[in-house]
Amino acid sequence: MMETDRDFAAQLSGHRLTTAEVLYYMPDHPSLVQSFLWQTQDLATRYPRLIRFLDFWRAEIDAVIHTVRIAHRGLIGPAEWSRADIELRLN
């Protein structure tokens, strides 16, 4: 019997590609804001993996989080189509 890919099964169960941009600063340089991008498969709206990552950041990293921006996109979805407003003919 063929085994289902773990990532594919996760997407079918609601996981989405989640990108988080963490803006942070070091305590000794509060006027210098830096950016860190992080991607993972996570459950949209609850984001349990992202929350664990941010909890780890707060506990283990000296940098102070300023802002977190989140974007997510389902990789599996209905097919999309659009109607063309032009017709071209080639002889």
PDB file of N, CA and C in Angstrom:
ATOM      1  N   MET A   1       0.844  -1.180   0.000  1.00  0.00           N
ATOM      2  CA  MET A   1       0.000   0.000   0.000  1.00  0.00           C
ATOM      3  C   MET A   1       0.890   1.244   0.000  1.00  0.00           C
ATOM      4  N   MET A   2       0.509   2.253  -0.757  1.00  0.00           N
ATOM      5  CA  MET A   2       1.284   3.478  -0.893  1.00  0.00           C
ATOM      6  C   MET A   2       1.060   4.392   0.305  1.00  0.00           C
ATOM      7  N   GLU A   3       2.135   4.938   0.854  1.00  0.00           N
ATOM      8  CA  GLU A   3       2.043   5.813   2.008  1.00  0.00           C
ATOM      9  C   GLU A   3       1.842   7.258   1.556  1.00  0.00           C
ATOM     10  N   THR A   4       0.948   7.996   2.231  1.00  0.00           N
ATOM     11  CA  THR A   4       0.674   9.388   1.891  1.00  0.00           C
ATOM     12  C   THR A   4       1.775  10.275   2.454  1.00  0.00           C
ATOM     13  N   ASP A   5       2.192  11.256   1.661  1.00  0.00           N
ATOM     14  CA  ASP A   5       3.195  12.224   2.093  1.00  0.00           C
ATOM     15  C   ASP A   5       2.671  12.986   3.313  1.00  0.00           C
ATOM     16  N   ARG A   6       3.516  13.125   4.319  1.00  0.00           N
ATOM     17  CA  ARG A   6       3.107  13.771   5.559  1.00  0.00           C
ATOM     18  C   ARG A   6       2.673  15.225   5.342  1.00  0.00           C
ATOM     19  N   ASP A   7       3.421  15.977   4.515  1.00  0.00           N
ATOM     20  CA  ASP A   7       3.063  17.373   4.252  1.00  0.00           C
ATOM     21  C   ASP A   7       1.721  17.474   3.524  1.00  0.00           C
ATOM     22  N   PHE A   8       1.494  16.576   2.573  1.00  0.00           N
ATOM     23  CA  PHE A   8       0.229  16.570   1.839  1.00  0.00           C
ATOM     24  C   PHE A   8      -0.934  16.273   2.783  1.00  0.00           C
ATOM     25  N   ALA A   9      -0.760  15.288   3.650  1.00  0.00           N
ATOM     26  CA  ALA A   9      -1.804  14.945   4.620  1.00  0.00           C
ATOM     27  C   ALA A   9      -2.069  16.116   5.561  1.00  0.00           C
ATOM     28  N   ALA A  10      -1.018  16.828   5.958  1.00  0.00           N
ATOM     29  CA  ALA A  10      -1.186  17.986   6.835  1.00  0.00           C
ATOM     30  C   ALA A  10      -1.989  19.083   6.136  1.00  0.00           C
ATOM     31  N   GLN A  11      -1.722  19.296   4.845  1.00  0.00           N
ATOM     32  CA  GLN A  11      -2.468  20.308   4.102  1.00  0.00           C
ATOM     33  C   GLN A  11      -3.938  19.930   3.988  1.00  0.00           C
ATOM     34  N   LEU A  12      -4.213  18.648   3.802  1.00  0.00           N
ATOM     35  CA  LEU A  12      -5.601  18.208   3.736  1.00  0.00           C
ATOM     36  C   LEU A  12      -6.314  18.386   5.073  1.00  0.00           C
ATOM     37  N   SER A  13      -5.562  18.356   6.166  1.00  0.00           N
ATOM     38  CA  SER A  13      -6.175  18.513   7.489  1.00  0.00           C
ATOM     39  C   SER A  13      -6.225  19.969   7.947  1.00  0.00           C
ATOM     40  N   GLY A  14      -5.867  20.912   7.063  1.00  0.00           N
ATOM     41  CA  GLY A  14      -6.042  22.324   7.407  1.00  0.00           C
ATOM     42  C   GLY A  14      -4.769  23.114   7.600  1.00  0.00           C
ATOM     43  N   HIS A  15      -3.613  22.491   7.520  1.00  0.00           N
ATOM     44  CA  HIS A  15      -2.369  23.233   7.665  1.00  0.00           C
ATOM     45  C   HIS A  15      -2.130  24.084   6.424  1.00  0.00           C
ATOM     46  N   ARG A  16      -1.561  25.266   6.622  1.00  0.00           N
ATOM     47  CA  ARG A  16      -1.284  26.194   5.534  1.00  0.00           C
ATOM     48  C   ARG A  16       0.167  26.667   5.645  1.00  0.00           C
ATOM     49  N   LEU A  17       0.733  27.032   4.497  1.00  0.00           N
ATOM     50  CA  LEU A  17       2.063  27.618   4.509  1.00  0.00           C
ATOM     51  C   LEU A  17       1.952  28.969   5.198  1.00  0.00           C
ATOM     52  N   THR A  18       2.653  29.130   6.305  1.00  0.00           N
ATOM     53  CA  THR A  18       2.577  30.336   7.116  1.00  0.00           C
ATOM     54  C   THR A  18       3.929  31.016   7.126  1.00  0.00           C
ATOM     55  N   THR A  19       3.931  32.303   6.830  1.00  0.00           N
ATOM     56  CA  THR A  19       5.146  33.104   6.864  1.00  0.00           C
ATOM     57  C   THR A  19       4.975  34.160   7.945  1.00  0.00           C
ATOM     58  N   ALA A  20       5.953  34.255   8.831  1.00  0.00           N
ATOM     59  CA  ALA A  20       5.925  35.265   9.880  1.00  0.00           C
ATOM     60  C   ALA A  20       7.146  36.155   9.726  1.00  0.00           C
ATOM     61  N   GLU A  21       6.910  37.450   9.698  1.00  0.00           N
ATOM     62  CA  GLU A  21       8.008  38.414   9.729  1.00  0.00           C
ATOM     63  C   GLU A  21       8.066  38.977  11.131  1.00  0.00           C
ATOM     64  N   VAL A  22       9.183  38.744  11.812  1.00  0.00           N
ATOM     65  CA  VAL A  22       9.374  39.216  13.175  1.00  0.00           C
ATOM     66  C   VAL A  22      10.297  40.426  13.122  1.00  0.00           C
ATOM     67  N   LEU A  23       9.775  41.577  13.537  1.00  0.00           N
ATOM     68  CA  LEU A  23      10.603  42.768  13.678  1.00  0.00           C
ATOM     69  C   LEU A  23      11.057  42.818  15.132  1.00  0.00           C
ATOM     70  N   TYR A  24      12.354  42.972  15.331  1.00  0.00           N
ATOM     71  CA  TYR A  24      12.898  42.909  16.682  1.00  0.00           C
ATOM     72  C   TYR A  24      14.057  43.892  16.836  1.00  0.00           C
ATOM     73  N   TYR A  25      14.433  44.132  18.094  1.00  0.00           N
ATOM     74  CA  TYR A  25      15.609  44.947  18.373  1.00  0.00           C
ATOM     75  C   TYR A  25      16.359  44.350  19.548  1.00  0.00           C
ATOM     76  N   MET A  26      17.634  44.641  19.586  1.00  0.00           N
ATOM     77  CA  MET A  26      18.462  44.199  20.702  1.00  0.00           C
ATOM     78  C   MET A  26      18.329  45.228  21.828  1.00  0.00           C
ATOM     79  N   PRO A  27      18.309  44.797  23.085  1.00  0.00           N
ATOM     80  CA  PRO A  27      18.115  45.738  24.195  1.00  0.00           C
ATOM     81  C   PRO A  27      19.172  46.854  24.243  1.00  0.00           C
ATOM     82  N   ASP A  28      20.400  46.559  23.806  1.00  0.00           N
ATOM     83  CA  ASP A  28      21.435  47.596  23.846  1.00  0.00           C
ATOM     84  C   ASP A  28      21.384  48.546  22.647  1.00  0.00           C
ATOM     85  N   HIS A  29      20.537  48.255  21.644  1.00  0.00           N
ATOM     86  CA  HIS A  29      20.353  49.132  20.476  1.00  0.00           C
ATOM     87  C   HIS A  29      18.861  49.225  20.132  1.00  0.00           C
ATOM     88  N   PRO A  30      18.053  49.856  20.990  1.00  0.00           N
ATOM     89  CA  PRO A  30      16.602  49.865  20.757  1.00  0.00           C
ATOM     90  C   PRO A  30      16.156  50.662  19.533  1.00  0.00           C
ATOM     91  N   SER A  31      17.008  51.525  18.995  1.00  0.00           N
ATOM     92  CA  SER A  31      16.611  52.307  17.818  1.00  0.00           C
ATOM     93  C   SER A  31      16.895  51.575  16.508  1.00  0.00           C
ATOM     94  N   LEU A  32      17.538  50.406  16.558  1.00  0.00           N
ATOM     95  CA  LEU A  32      17.856  49.628  15.365  1.00  0.00           C
ATOM     96  C   LEU A  32      16.916  48.419  15.295  1.00  0.00           C
ATOM     97  N   VAL A  33      15.906  48.493  14.425  1.00  0.00           N
ATOM     98  CA  VAL A  33      14.935  47.413  14.275  1.00  0.00           C
ATOM     99  C   VAL A  33      15.389  46.505  13.133  1.00  0.00           C
ATOM    100  N   GLN A  34      15.396  45.208  13.390  1.00  0.00           N
ATOM    101  CA  GLN A  34      15.822  44.228  12.395  1.00  0.00           C
ATOM    102  C   GLN A  34      14.653  43.301  12.065  1.00  0.00           C
ATOM    103  N   SER A  35      14.807  42.550  10.968  1.00  0.00           N
ATOM    104  CA  SER A  35      13.732  41.683  10.495  1.00  0.00           C
ATOM    105  C   SER A  35      14.213  40.236  10.411  1.00  0.00           C
ATOM    106  N   PHE A  36      13.325  39.302  10.769  1.00  0.00           N
ATOM    107  CA  PHE A  36      13.595  37.875  10.675  1.00  0.00           C
ATOM    108  C   PHE A  36      12.370  37.219  10.046  1.00  0.00           C
ATOM    109  N   LEU A  37      12.567  36.448   8.971  1.00  0.00           N
ATOM    110  CA  LEU A  37      11.461  35.734   8.324  1.00  0.00           C
ATOM    111  C   LEU A  37      11.501  34.266   8.708  1.00  0.00           C
ATOM    112  N   TRP A  38      10.325  33.690   8.967  1.00  0.00           N
ATOM    113  CA  TRP A  38      10.225  32.288   9.374  1.00  0.00           C
ATOM    114  C   TRP A  38       9.022  31.684   8.680  1.00  0.00           C
ATOM    115  N   GLN A  39       9.197  30.499   8.080  1.00  0.00           N
ATOM    116  CA  GLN A  39       8.097  29.810   7.403  1.00  0.00           C
ATOM    117  C   GLN A  39       7.930  28.400   7.949  1.00  0.00           C
ATOM    118  N   THR A  40       6.670  27.977   8.008  1.00  0.00           N
ATOM    119  CA  THR A  40       6.353  26.623   8.428  1.00  0.00           C
ATOM    120  C   THR A  40       4.936  26.286   7.973  1.00  0.00           C
ATOM    121  N   GLN A  41       4.578  25.031   8.077  1.00  0.00           N
ATOM    122  CA  GLN A  41       3.188  24.619   7.873  1.00  0.00           C
ATOM    123  C   GLN A  41       2.495  24.746   9.233  1.00  0.00           C
ATOM    124  N   ASP A  42       1.404  25.491   9.293  1.00  0.00           N
ATOM    125  CA  ASP A  42       0.732  25.718  10.570  1.00  0.00           C
ATOM    126  C   ASP A  42      -0.773  25.798  10.356  1.00  0.00           C
ATOM    127  N   LEU A  43      -1.520  25.641  11.425  1.00  0.00           N
ATOM    128  CA  LEU A  43      -2.979  25.740  11.382  1.00  0.00           C
ATOM    129  C   LEU A  43      -3.380  27.210  11.475  1.00  0.00           C
ATOM    130  N   ALA A  44      -4.015  27.716  10.409  1.00  0.00           N
ATOM    131  CA  ALA A  44      -4.412  29.115  10.384  1.00  0.00           C
ATOM    132  C   ALA A  44      -5.421  29.413  11.484  1.00  0.00           C
ATOM    133  N   THR A  45      -5.381  30.578  11.950  1.00  0.00           N
ATOM    134  CA  THR A  45      -6.157  31.217  13.017  1.00  0.00           C
ATOM    135  C   THR A  45      -5.655  30.874  14.412  1.00  0.00           C
ATOM    136  N   ARG A  46      -5.176  29.654  14.660  1.00  0.00           N
ATOM    137  CA  ARG A  46      -4.638  29.330  15.992  1.00  0.00           C
ATOM    138  C   ARG A  46      -3.122  29.400  16.015  1.00  0.00           C
ATOM    139  N   TYR A  47      -2.455  29.031  14.930  1.00  0.00           N
ATOM    140  CA  TYR A  47      -1.001  29.073  14.761  1.00  0.00           C
ATOM    141  C   TYR A  47      -0.230  28.466  15.942  1.00  0.00           C
ATOM    142  N   PRO A  48      -0.445  27.189  16.265  1.00  0.00           N
ATOM    143  CA  PRO A  48       0.248  26.607  17.423  1.00  0.00           C
ATOM    144  C   PRO A  48       1.774  26.539  17.252  1.00  0.00           C
ATOM    145  N   ARG A  49       2.274  26.236  16.072  1.00  0.00           N
ATOM    146  CA  ARG A  49       3.734  26.178  15.872  1.00  0.00           C
ATOM    147  C   ARG A  49       4.349  27.562  15.975  1.00  0.00           C
ATOM    148  N   LEU A  50       3.687  28.561  15.420  1.00  0.00           N
ATOM    149  CA  LEU A  50       4.196  29.933  15.499  1.00  0.00           C
ATOM    150  C   LEU A  50       4.226  30.406  16.947  1.00  0.00           C
ATOM    151  N   ILE A  51       3.196  30.100  17.696  1.00  0.00           N
ATOM    152  CA  ILE A  51       3.159  30.511  19.103  1.00  0.00           C
ATOM    153  C   ILE A  51       4.278  29.829  19.893  1.00  0.00           C
ATOM    154  N   ARG A  52       4.529  28.530  19.620  1.00  0.00           N
ATOM    155  CA  ARG A  52       5.644  27.849  20.297  1.00  0.00           C
ATOM    156  C   ARG A  52       6.972  28.503  19.932  1.00  0.00           C
ATOM    157  N   PHE A  53       7.133  28.862  18.642  1.00  0.00           N
ATOM    158  CA  PHE A  53       8.360  29.525  18.199  1.00  0.00           C
ATOM    159  C   PHE A  53       8.540  30.868  18.910  1.00  0.00           C
ATOM    160  N   LEU A  54       7.479  31.664  18.983  1.00  0.00           N
ATOM    161  CA  LEU A  54       7.581  32.968  19.648  1.00  0.00           C
ATOM    162  C   LEU A  54       7.817  32.824  21.145  1.00  0.00           C
ATOM    163  N   ASP A  55       7.232  31.806  21.770  1.00  0.00           N
ATOM    164  CA  ASP A  55       7.512  31.543  23.193  1.00  0.00           C
ATOM    165  C   ASP A  55       8.977  31.186  23.393  1.00  0.00           C
ATOM    166  N   PHE A  56       9.526  30.347  22.495  1.00  0.00           N
ATOM    167  CA  PHE A  56      10.945  30.004  22.546  1.00  0.00           C
ATOM    168  C   PHE A  56      11.794  31.264  22.386  1.00  0.00           C
ATOM    169  N   TRP A  57      11.427  32.112  21.428  1.00  0.00           N
ATOM    170  CA  TRP A  57      12.177  33.354  21.182  1.00  0.00           C
ATOM    171  C   TRP A  57      12.228  34.190  22.462  1.00  0.00           C
ATOM    172  N   ARG A  58      11.072  34.402  23.084  1.00  0.00           N
ATOM    173  CA  ARG A  58      11.016  35.236  24.295  1.00  0.00           C
ATOM    174  C   ARG A  58      11.845  34.645  25.434  1.00  0.00           C
ATOM    175  N   ALA A  59      11.879  33.311  25.533  1.00  0.00           N
ATOM    176  CA  ALA A  59      12.593  32.665  26.644  1.00  0.00           C
ATOM    177  C   ALA A  59      14.096  32.549  26.401  1.00  0.00           C
ATOM    178  N   GLU A  60      14.516  32.334  25.144  1.00  0.00           N
ATOM    179  CA  GLU A  60      15.907  31.979  24.886  1.00  0.00           C
ATOM    180  C   GLU A  60      16.738  33.026  24.143  1.00  0.00           C
ATOM    181  N   ILE A  61      16.100  33.996  23.501  1.00  0.00           N
ATOM    182  CA  ILE A  61      16.836  34.961  22.679  1.00  0.00           C
ATOM    183  C   ILE A  61      16.749  36.333  23.333  1.00  0.00           C
ATOM    184  N   ASP A  62      17.871  37.030  23.350  1.00  0.00           N
ATOM    185  CA  ASP A  62      17.927  38.333  24.013  1.00  0.00           C
ATOM    186  C   ASP A  62      17.190  39.431  23.253  1.00  0.00           C
ATOM    187  N   ALA A  63      16.893  39.216  21.986  1.00  0.00           N
ATOM    188  CA  ALA A  63      16.229  40.241  21.184  1.00  0.00           C
ATOM    189  C   ALA A  63      14.780  40.419  21.635  1.00  0.00           C
ATOM    190  N   VAL A  64      14.329  41.673  21.607  1.00  0.00           N
ATOM    191  CA  VAL A  64      12.966  42.008  22.011  1.00  0.00           C
ATOM    192  C   VAL A  64      12.087  42.097  20.755  1.00  0.00           C
ATOM    193  N   ILE A  65      10.978  41.382  20.755  1.00  0.00           N
ATOM    194  CA  ILE A  65      10.064  41.401  19.615  1.00  0.00           C
ATOM    195  C   ILE A  65       9.305  42.715  19.600  1.00  0.00           C
ATOM    196  N   HIS A  66       9.351  43.381  18.466  1.00  0.00           N
ATOM    197  CA  HIS A  66       8.622  44.638  18.274  1.00  0.00           C
ATOM    198  C   HIS A  66       7.269  44.373  17.610  1.00  0.00           C
ATOM    199  N   THR A  67       7.281  43.639  16.484  1.00  0.00           N
ATOM    200  CA  THR A  67       6.069  43.379  15.718  1.00  0.00           C
ATOM    201  C   THR A  67       6.184  42.017  15.044  1.00  0.00           C
ATOM    202  N   VAL A  68       5.059  41.327  14.912  1.00  0.00           N
ATOM    203  CA  VAL A  68       5.006  40.080  14.147  1.00  0.00           C
ATOM    204  C   VAL A  68       3.893  40.233  13.121  1.00  0.00           C
ATOM    205  N   ARG A  69       4.259  40.057  11.836  1.00  0.00           N
ATOM    206  CA  ARG A  69       3.265  40.074  10.761  1.00  0.00           C
ATOM    207  C   ARG A  69       3.160  38.662  10.205  1.00  0.00           C
ATOM    208  N   ILE A  70       1.927  38.214   9.983  1.00  0.00           N
ATOM    209  CA  ILE A  70       1.677  36.836   9.552  1.00  0.00           C
ATOM    210  C   ILE A  70       0.946  36.849   8.213  1.00  0.00           C
ATOM    211  N   ALA A  71       1.392  35.965   7.331  1.00  0.00           N
ATOM    212  CA  ALA A  71       0.691  35.715   6.069  1.00  0.00           C
ATOM    213  C   ALA A  71       0.569  34.215   5.922  1.00  0.00           C
ATOM    214  N   HIS A  72      -0.546  33.759   5.384  1.00  0.00           N
ATOM    215  CA  HIS A  72      -0.692  32.321   5.176  1.00  0.00           C
ATOM    216  C   HIS A  72      -1.424  32.072   3.872  1.00  0.00           C
ATOM    217  N   ARG A  73      -1.124  30.938   3.285  1.00  0.00           N
ATOM    218  CA  ARG A  73      -1.710  30.577   1.996  1.00  0.00           C
ATOM    219  C   ARG A  73      -1.866  29.075   1.935  1.00  0.00           C
ATOM    220  N   GLY A  74      -3.058  28.637   1.609  1.00  0.00           N
ATOM    221  CA  GLY A  74      -3.287  27.223   1.396  1.00  0.00           C
ATOM    222  C   GLY A  74      -2.709  26.800   0.052  1.00  0.00           C
ATOM    223  N   LEU A  75      -1.960  25.744   0.023  1.00  0.00           N
ATOM    224  CA  LEU A  75      -1.367  25.277  -1.219  1.00  0.00           C
ATOM    225  C   LEU A  75      -2.328  24.394  -2.005  1.00  0.00           C
ATOM    226  N   ILE A  76      -3.290  23.835  -1.315  1.00  0.00           N
ATOM    227  CA  ILE A  76      -4.294  23.003  -1.969  1.00  0.00           C
ATOM    228  C   ILE A  76      -5.609  23.771  -1.948  1.00  0.00           C
ATOM    229  N   GLY A  77      -6.211  23.907  -3.106  1.00  0.00           N
ATOM    230  CA  GLY A  77      -7.464  24.637  -3.175  1.00  0.00           C
ATOM    231  C   GLY A  77      -8.148  24.385  -4.499  1.00  0.00           C
ATOM    232  N   PRO A  78      -9.280  25.014  -4.693  1.00  0.00           N
ATOM    233  CA  PRO A  78      -9.989  24.819  -5.955  1.00  0.00           C
ATOM    234  C   PRO A  78      -9.219  25.441  -7.114  1.00  0.00           C
ATOM    235  N   ALA A  79      -9.429  24.887  -8.284  1.00  0.00           N
ATOM    236  CA  ALA A  79      -8.782  25.426  -9.474  1.00  0.00           C
ATOM    237  C   ALA A  79      -9.327  26.818  -9.759  1.00  0.00           C
ATOM    238  N   GLU A  80      -8.465  27.694 -10.251  1.00  0.00           N
ATOM    239  CA  GLU A  80      -8.881  29.041 -10.594  1.00  0.00           C
ATOM    240  C   GLU A  80      -8.826  29.214 -12.103  1.00  0.00           C
ATOM    241  N   TRP A  81      -9.734  30.000 -12.627  1.00  0.00           N
ATOM    242  CA  TRP A  81      -9.721  30.276 -14.051  1.00  0.00           C
ATOM    243  C   TRP A  81     -10.195  31.702 -14.249  1.00  0.00           C
ATOM    244  N   SER A  82      -9.842  32.272 -15.397  1.00  0.00           N
ATOM    245  CA  SER A  82     -10.320  33.603 -15.738  1.00  0.00           C
ATOM    246  C   SER A  82     -10.631  33.646 -17.227  1.00  0.00           C
ATOM    247  N   ARG A  83     -11.562  34.467 -17.574  1.00  0.00           N
ATOM    248  CA  ARG A  83     -11.993  34.604 -18.955  1.00  0.00           C
ATOM    249  C   ARG A  83     -11.112  35.629 -19.652  1.00  0.00           C
ATOM    250  N   ALA A  84     -10.669  35.323 -20.858  1.00  0.00           N
ATOM    251  CA  ALA A  84      -9.862  36.256 -21.641  1.00  0.00           C
ATOM    252  C   ALA A  84     -10.786  37.214 -22.380  1.00  0.00           C
ATOM    253  N   ASP A  85     -10.421  38.476 -22.415  1.00  0.00           N
ATOM    254  CA  ASP A  85     -11.226  39.479 -23.099  1.00  0.00           C
ATOM    255  C   ASP A  85     -10.735  39.756 -24.522  1.00  0.00           C
ATOM    256  N   ILE A  86      -9.866  38.924 -25.061  1.00  0.00           N
ATOM    257  CA  ILE A  86      -9.312  39.153 -26.386  1.00  0.00           C
ATOM    258  C   ILE A  86      -9.233  37.831 -27.133  1.00  0.00           C
ATOM    259  N   GLU A  87      -9.438  37.889 -28.417  1.00  0.00           N
ATOM    260  CA  GLU A  87      -9.292  36.707 -29.255  1.00  0.00           C
ATOM    261  C   GLU A  87      -8.309  37.038 -30.373  1.00  0.00           C
ATOM    262  N   LEU A  88      -7.301  36.232 -30.514  1.00  0.00           N
ATOM    263  CA  LEU A  88      -6.294  36.433 -31.555  1.00  0.00           C
ATOM    264  C   LEU A  88      -6.371  35.294 -32.548  1.00  0.00           C
ATOM    265  N   ARG A  89      -6.182  35.595 -33.833  1.00  0.00           N
ATOM    266  CA  ARG A  89      -6.182  34.560 -34.863  1.00  0.00           C
ATOM    267  C   ARG A  89      -4.840  34.550 -35.565  1.00  0.00           C
ATOM    268  N   LEU A  90      -4.320  33.376 -35.741  1.00  0.00           N
ATOM    269  CA  LEU A  90      -3.085  33.194 -36.502  1.00  0.00           C
ATOM    270  C   LEU A  90      -3.426  32.486 -37.783  1.00  0.00           C
ATOM    271  N   ASN A  91      -2.936  32.992 -38.921  1.00  0.00           N
ATOM    272  CA  ASN A  91      -3.217  32.353 -40.218  1.00  0.00           C
ATOM    273  C   ASN A  91      -2.347  31.168 -40.434  1.00  0.00           C
TER     274      ASN A  91
END
